[in-house]
């Protein structure tokens, strides 16, 4: 073995760590958590950790689905509407037909939105940003008509348990999030559909030439994304026992920010769903930390935006080096 090869071998783990964007995200999360413990009260308590992981799950479930779409060089701006759709429809149906029927109808309606997104992107050739923004707008208008502007509240025991109960002291919502993340990780990194997603993210024309089924891949990705947004809406309904036409609004951009902070390229083809977990936890922690410091909502948004820009610049520098 030559000296050059020995040097390359010695630098291999360092280079691998440097190129691992998910590891970067978890590193920033750890540093932020240490700062929260050092400079704010209560963040070192078990109850605080439980609450943060529980509330991060609502965002994290949506972000996992967003990862599937962004990884194939798409984007889904309808997730906010789907979160509200799922909660509102479940509450409306549960009031008359019971909780299980409400859950089933809500998930079916959510999946239908995802399939419509995929159909528009693949068959009508509408750009993903335009298509998903349009479907999100349609969903918001349909909900307004459906509820006459007054969505119902509903306490669904199975959803309340899912949102608020614990397993061995761990919030059940967090366990659900990790379980869905594990399924998404398998789909992306160990299945044929995952290979198609990465291939499309690295270039649609080359993927078509290689025989990658664009329509099938899009239906899987957009369908799963909408279904996960629907699950998040149901968990939120269980957490609050109320539904709102705007309850999904915070998750539209925050889900994308979680994916980006987790190290997935916004252009697709590169990243890992585990990084999205770190991104969602980081955004939830940072929001709670700024709230503990009594920082105004405007300043919070500025800080979050600057953080996203800083990490994007760091990732770009790492990619060039």
Foldseek 3Di string as FASTA:
>chain_A
DDPVVVVCVVCVVVLVCLLALLNVLLVVLVVLLVVLVVPFPDSPDLVNVQVLLLVLLLLLLLLLLQLLQLQLQAGALQLLLLLQQLQLQQQVCCVPPNNVVSNVVSLVVLLVLLQQLLCCCPVVVDGRVVSNVVSSVVSLVVSCVVCVQDGHFAAHPVLLCCSAPADVSHRNSSVVSVVVQVVSQCCQPPDPLNVLSLVSLVPVVVSVVVPRDSSVSSSVSSSSSSSSSSVSSSNVSSNPSGGHSRPSVVSSVLSVQLQLSLPADSSHNDGGSSSSSSSSSSLSSLVVSCVSVVHDPVVSVVVSVVVSVVSVVSSVVSVVD
